[in-house]
C-alpha atoms as a PDB file:
ATOM      1  CA  UNK A   1      15.939   4.324  -9.866  1.00  0.00           C
ATOM      2  CA  UNK A   2      12.969   3.154  -7.829  1.00  0.00           C
ATOM      3  CA  UNK A   3      12.116  -0.520  -7.512  1.00  0.00           C
ATOM      4  CA  UNK A   4       9.049  -2.270  -6.125  1.00  0.00           C
ATOM      5  CA  UNK A   5       8.825  -5.810  -4.815  1.00  0.00           C
ATOM      6  CA  UNK A   6       6.073  -8.065  -3.456  1.00  0.00           C
ATOM      7  CA  UNK A   7       6.534 -10.445  -0.546  1.00  0.00           C
ATOM      8  CA  UNK A   8       4.082 -13.371  -0.391  1.00  0.00           C
ATOM      9  CA  UNK A   9       2.357 -14.512   2.809  1.00  0.00           C
ATOM     10  CA  UNK A  10       4.854 -16.199   5.105  1.00  0.00           C
ATOM     11  CA  UNK A  11       7.864 -14.204   3.858  1.00  0.00           C
ATOM     12  CA  UNK A  12      10.186 -12.244   6.144  1.00  0.00           C
ATOM     13  CA  UNK A  13       8.443  -8.881   6.536  1.00  0.00           C
ATOM     14  CA  UNK A  14      11.032  -7.239   8.805  1.00  0.00           C
ATOM     15  CA  UNK A  15      11.560  -4.353   6.382  1.00  0.00           C
ATOM     16  CA  UNK A  16       7.818  -3.674   6.138  1.00  0.00           C
ATOM     17  CA  UNK A  17       7.583  -3.693   9.933  1.00  0.00           C
ATOM     18  CA  UNK A  18      10.505  -1.257  10.182  1.00  0.00           C
ATOM     19  CA  UNK A  19       8.716   1.197   7.866  1.00  0.00           C
ATOM     20  CA  UNK A  20       5.459   0.818   9.826  1.00  0.00           C
ATOM     21  CA  UNK A  21       7.258   1.432  13.112  1.00  0.00           C
ATOM     22  CA  UNK A  22       8.830   4.636  11.772  1.00  0.00           C
ATOM     23  CA  UNK A  23       5.566   5.944  10.289  1.00  0.00           C
ATOM     24  CA  UNK A  24       2.795   4.621  12.540  1.00  0.00           C
ATOM     25  CA  UNK A  25       4.703   3.745  15.705  1.00  0.00           C
ATOM     26  CA  UNK A  26       3.461   0.160  15.277  1.00  0.00           C
ATOM     27  CA  UNK A  27       6.182  -2.224  14.209  1.00  0.00           C
ATOM     28  CA  UNK A  28       4.879  -5.526  15.542  1.00  0.00           C
ATOM     29  CA  UNK A  29       3.319  -8.052  13.202  1.00  0.00           C
ATOM     30  CA  UNK A  30      -0.417  -8.621  13.630  1.00  0.00           C
ATOM     31  CA  UNK A  31      -2.819 -11.377  12.599  1.00  0.00           C
ATOM     32  CA  UNK A  32      -3.460  -9.769   9.200  1.00  0.00           C
ATOM     33  CA  UNK A  33       0.236  -9.887   8.262  1.00  0.00           C
ATOM     34  CA  UNK A  34       0.227 -13.688   8.049  1.00  0.00           C
ATOM     35  CA  UNK A  35      -2.343 -13.657   5.232  1.00  0.00           C
ATOM     36  CA  UNK A  36      -1.117 -10.519   3.420  1.00  0.00           C
ATOM     37  CA  UNK A  37       1.015  -9.843   0.392  1.00  0.00           C
ATOM     38  CA  UNK A  38       3.382  -7.002   1.284  1.00  0.00           C
ATOM     39  CA  UNK A  39       4.593  -4.428  -1.226  1.00  0.00           C
ATOM     40  CA  UNK A  40       7.948  -2.771  -0.630  1.00  0.00           C
ATOM     41  CA  UNK A  41       9.574   0.101  -2.505  1.00  0.00           C
ATOM     42  CA  UNK A  42      13.254   0.923  -2.609  1.00  0.00           C
ATOM     43  CA  UNK A  43      14.879   4.085  -3.892  1.00  0.00           C
ATOM     44  CA  UNK A  44      18.331   2.582  -4.434  1.00  0.00           C
ATOM     45  CA  UNK A  45      19.298  -0.294  -6.724  1.00  0.00           C
ATOM     46  CA  UNK A  46      22.567  -1.878  -7.804  1.00  0.00           C
ATOM     47  CA  UNK A  47      23.884  -2.197 -11.354  1.00  0.00           C
ATOM     48  CA  UNK A  48      21.555  -5.124 -12.071  1.00  0.00           C
ATOM     49  CA  UNK A  49      18.462  -3.289 -10.828  1.00  0.00           C
ATOM     50  CA  UNK A  50      18.228  -5.220  -7.557  1.00  0.00           C
ATOM     51  CA  UNK A  51      17.286  -3.229  -4.429  1.00  0.00           C
ATOM     52  CA  UNK A  52      20.088  -2.077  -2.161  1.00  0.00           C
ATOM     53  CA  UNK A  53      19.534  -1.299   1.506  1.00  0.00           C
ATOM     54  CA  UNK A  54      16.274  -1.061   3.369  1.00  0.00           C
ATOM     55  CA  UNK A  55      12.828  -0.433   1.946  1.00  0.00           C
ATOM     56  CA  UNK A  56      11.668   3.176   2.163  1.00  0.00           C
ATOM     57  CA  UNK A  57       7.962   2.365   1.757  1.00  0.00           C
ATOM     58  CA  UNK A  58       5.592  -0.518   2.456  1.00  0.00           C
ATOM     59  CA  UNK A  59       1.952  -1.558   2.285  1.00  0.00           C
ATOM     60  CA  UNK A  60      -0.103  -4.724   2.373  1.00  0.00           C
ATOM     61  CA  UNK A  61      -3.086  -6.358   0.687  1.00  0.00           C
ATOM     62  CA  UNK A  62      -5.263  -9.254   1.844  1.00  0.00           C
ATOM     63  CA  UNK A  63      -8.577 -10.953   1.028  1.00  0.00           C
ATOM     64  CA  UNK A  64     -11.374 -10.831   3.582  1.00  0.00           C
ATOM     65  CA  UNK A  65     -15.183 -10.877   3.517  1.00  0.00           C
ATOM     66  CA  UNK A  66     -15.517 -10.802  -0.274  1.00  0.00           C
ATOM     67  CA  UNK A  67     -13.113  -7.934  -0.960  1.00  0.00           C
ATOM     68  CA  UNK A  68      -9.441  -7.156  -1.194  1.00  0.00           C
ATOM     69  CA  UNK A  69      -8.220  -4.868   1.601  1.00  0.00           C
ATOM     70  CA  UNK A  70      -5.276  -2.476   1.451  1.00  0.00           C
ATOM     71  CA  UNK A  71      -3.680  -1.080   4.560  1.00  0.00           C
ATOM     72  CA  UNK A  72      -0.602   0.127   6.387  1.00  0.00           C
ATOM     73  CA  UNK A  73       0.605   2.022   3.298  1.00  0.00           C
ATOM     74  CA  UNK A  74       3.537   4.063   4.562  1.00  0.00           C
ATOM     75  CA  UNK A  75       6.575   5.937   3.274  1.00  0.00           C
ATOM     76  CA  UNK A  76       9.542   6.861   5.443  1.00  0.00           C
ATOM     77  CA  UNK A  77       9.301  10.537   6.435  1.00  0.00           C
ATOM     78  CA  UNK A  78      12.590  11.479   4.749  1.00  0.00           C
ATOM     79  CA  UNK A  79      11.433   9.934   1.435  1.00  0.00           C
ATOM     80  CA  UNK A  80       8.037  11.605   1.133  1.00  0.00           C
ATOM     81  CA  UNK A  81       7.259  13.726  -1.895  1.00  0.00           C
ATOM     82  CA  UNK A  82       8.992  11.340  -4.316  1.00  0.00           C
ATOM     83  CA  UNK A  83       5.819   9.575  -5.449  1.00  0.00           C
ATOM     84  CA  UNK A  84       6.594   6.383  -3.520  1.00  0.00           C
ATOM     85  CA  UNK A  85       3.140   6.273  -1.894  1.00  0.00           C
ATOM     86  CA  UNK A  86       1.637   6.517  -5.376  1.00  0.00           C
ATOM     87  CA  UNK A  87       3.757   3.604  -6.548  1.00  0.00           C
ATOM     88  CA  UNK A  88       2.725   1.521  -3.532  1.00  0.00           C
ATOM     89  CA  UNK A  89      -0.990   2.172  -4.090  1.00  0.00           C
ATOM     90  CA  UNK A  90      -0.694   1.360  -7.789  1.00  0.00           C
ATOM     91  CA  UNK A  91       1.163  -1.885  -7.006  1.00  0.00           C
ATOM     92  CA  UNK A  92      -1.446  -2.969  -4.465  1.00  0.00           C
ATOM     93  CA  UNK A  93      -4.445  -1.978  -6.597  1.00  0.00           C
ATOM     94  CA  UNK A  94      -2.957  -3.657  -9.655  1.00  0.00           C
ATOM     95  CA  UNK A  95      -2.512  -6.869  -7.645  1.00  0.00           C
ATOM     96  CA  UNK A  96      -6.180  -6.727  -6.572  1.00  0.00           C
ATOM     97  CA  UNK A  97      -7.417  -6.113 -10.107  1.00  0.00           C
ATOM     98  CA  UNK A  98      -5.080  -8.757 -11.524  1.00  0.00           C
ATOM     99  CA  UNK A  99      -6.751 -11.262  -9.190  1.00  0.00           C
ATOM    100  CA  UNK A 100     -10.271 -10.332 -10.268  1.00  0.00           C
ATOM    101  CA  UNK A 101     -11.222  -7.919  -7.493  1.00  0.00           C
ATOM    102  CA  UNK A 102     -14.829  -6.810  -7.541  1.00  0.00           C
ATOM    103  CA  UNK A 103     -14.266  -4.483  -4.592  1.00  0.00           C
ATOM    104  CA  UNK A 104     -11.296  -3.039  -2.740  1.00  0.00           C
ATOM    105  CA  UNK A 105     -11.328  -1.493   0.725  1.00  0.00           C
ATOM    106  CA  UNK A 106      -8.589   0.975   1.636  1.00  0.00           C
ATOM    107  CA  UNK A 107      -7.869   1.349   5.355  1.00  0.00           C
ATOM    108  CA  UNK A 108      -6.160   4.662   6.010  1.00  0.00           C
ATOM    109  CA  UNK A 109      -5.746   7.532   8.443  1.00  0.00           C
ATOM    110  CA  UNK A 110      -8.510  10.141   8.031  1.00  0.00           C
ATOM    111  CA  UNK A 111      -6.026  12.615   6.542  1.00  0.00           C
ATOM    112  CA  UNK A 112      -5.226  10.129   3.735  1.00  0.00           C
ATOM    113  CA  UNK A 113      -8.821   9.972   2.414  1.00  0.00           C
ATOM    114  CA  UNK A 114      -8.048  12.589  -0.267  1.00  0.00           C
ATOM    115  CA  UNK A 115      -4.974  10.587  -1.332  1.00  0.00           C
ATOM    116  CA  UNK A 116      -7.145   7.472  -1.737  1.00  0.00           C
ATOM    117  CA  UNK A 117      -9.727   9.473  -3.700  1.00  0.00           C
ATOM    118  CA  UNK A 118      -7.154   9.837  -6.512  1.00  0.00           C
ATOM    119  CA  UNK A 119      -7.590   6.113  -7.188  1.00  0.00           C
ATOM    120  CA  UNK A 120     -11.397   6.120  -7.185  1.00  0.00           C
ATOM    121  CA  UNK A 121     -12.218   5.649  -3.494  1.00  0.00           C
ATOM    122  CA  UNK A 122     -15.188   7.939  -2.727  1.00  0.00           C
ATOM    123  CA  UNK A 123     -14.183   9.902   0.407  1.00  0.00           C
ATOM    124  CA  UNK A 124     -17.816  10.775   1.169  1.00  0.00           C
ATOM    125  CA  UNK A 125     -18.429   7.074   1.861  1.00  0.00           C
ATOM    126  CA  UNK A 126     -15.619   6.745   4.407  1.00  0.00           C
ATOM    127  CA  UNK A 127     -16.600   4.806   7.523  1.00  0.00           C
ATOM    128  CA  UNK A 128     -14.773   4.735  10.866  1.00  0.00           C
ATOM    129  CA  UNK A 129     -12.065   2.070  11.073  1.00  0.00           C
ATOM    130  CA  UNK A 130      -9.355   1.175  13.628  1.00  0.00           C
ATOM    131  CA  UNK A 131      -6.796   2.747  11.243  1.00  0.00           C
ATOM    132  CA  UNK A 132      -8.910   5.907  10.825  1.00  0.00           C
ATOM    133  CA  UNK A 133     -11.313   5.315   7.930  1.00  0.00           C
ATOM    134  CA  UNK A 134     -12.218   2.560   5.510  1.00  0.00           C
ATOM    135  CA  UNK A 135     -13.010   3.536   1.924  1.00  0.00           C
ATOM    136  CA  UNK A 136     -14.660   1.081  -0.473  1.00  0.00           C
ATOM    137  CA  UNK A 137     -14.415   1.146  -4.270  1.00  0.00           C
ATOM    138  CA  UNK A 138     -15.679  -1.250  -6.883  1.00  0.00           C
ATOM    139  CA  UNK A 139     -13.313  -2.483  -9.573  1.00  0.00           C
ATOM    140  CA  UNK A 140     -15.053  -0.131 -12.021  1.00  0.00           C
ATOM    141  CA  UNK A 141     -14.353   2.874  -9.778  1.00  0.00           C
ATOM    142  CA  UNK A 142     -10.638   2.185  -9.390  1.00  0.00           C
ATOM    143  CA  UNK A 143      -8.605   4.580 -11.489  1.00  0.00           C
ATOM    144  CA  UNK A 144      -4.973   3.805 -12.295  1.00  0.00           C
ATOM    145  CA  UNK A 145      -4.778   6.288 -15.161  1.00  0.00           C
ATOM    146  CA  UNK A 146      -2.147   8.989 -15.248  1.00  0.00           C
ATOM    147  CA  UNK A 147       1.535   8.708 -14.731  1.00  0.00           C
ATOM    148  CA  UNK A 148       3.054   6.803 -11.848  1.00  0.00           C
ATOM    149  CA  UNK A 149       4.873   8.679  -9.103  1.00  0.00           C
ATOM    150  CA  UNK A 150       3.631  11.987 -10.508  1.00  0.00           C
ATOM    151  CA  UNK A 151       5.987  11.827 -13.485  1.00  0.00           C
END
């Protein structure tokens, strides 16, 4: 069973940083972390459905300049192909929409632009960003249809 969890600003984000270090080589907290909600996914739970062990995926969302921003979405290399990145994006986009987002900006490596396009981010409008590219979608463009995790 897979389980997702949100951590509010100010929470201990050590597990998110561990995932980022393994995937991006950047495991130190930055100024954006303090204002972000972090999403974590776990692929092991106990008998009550509570996560067991370390997170195998992480991402974050924050508000800045009139839009919600999503970034540092990462899945541990040995857990890829299980749909965990899909779950993370859906969690983060749902949080933005739940809070009345008019626009969402996804910050991603260039090679992830096609992945973001699945959710309504137009790849042809990608602009250079410190993380690779930034893709902007309006709330109307965001598409959470289909099954989660490819199932």
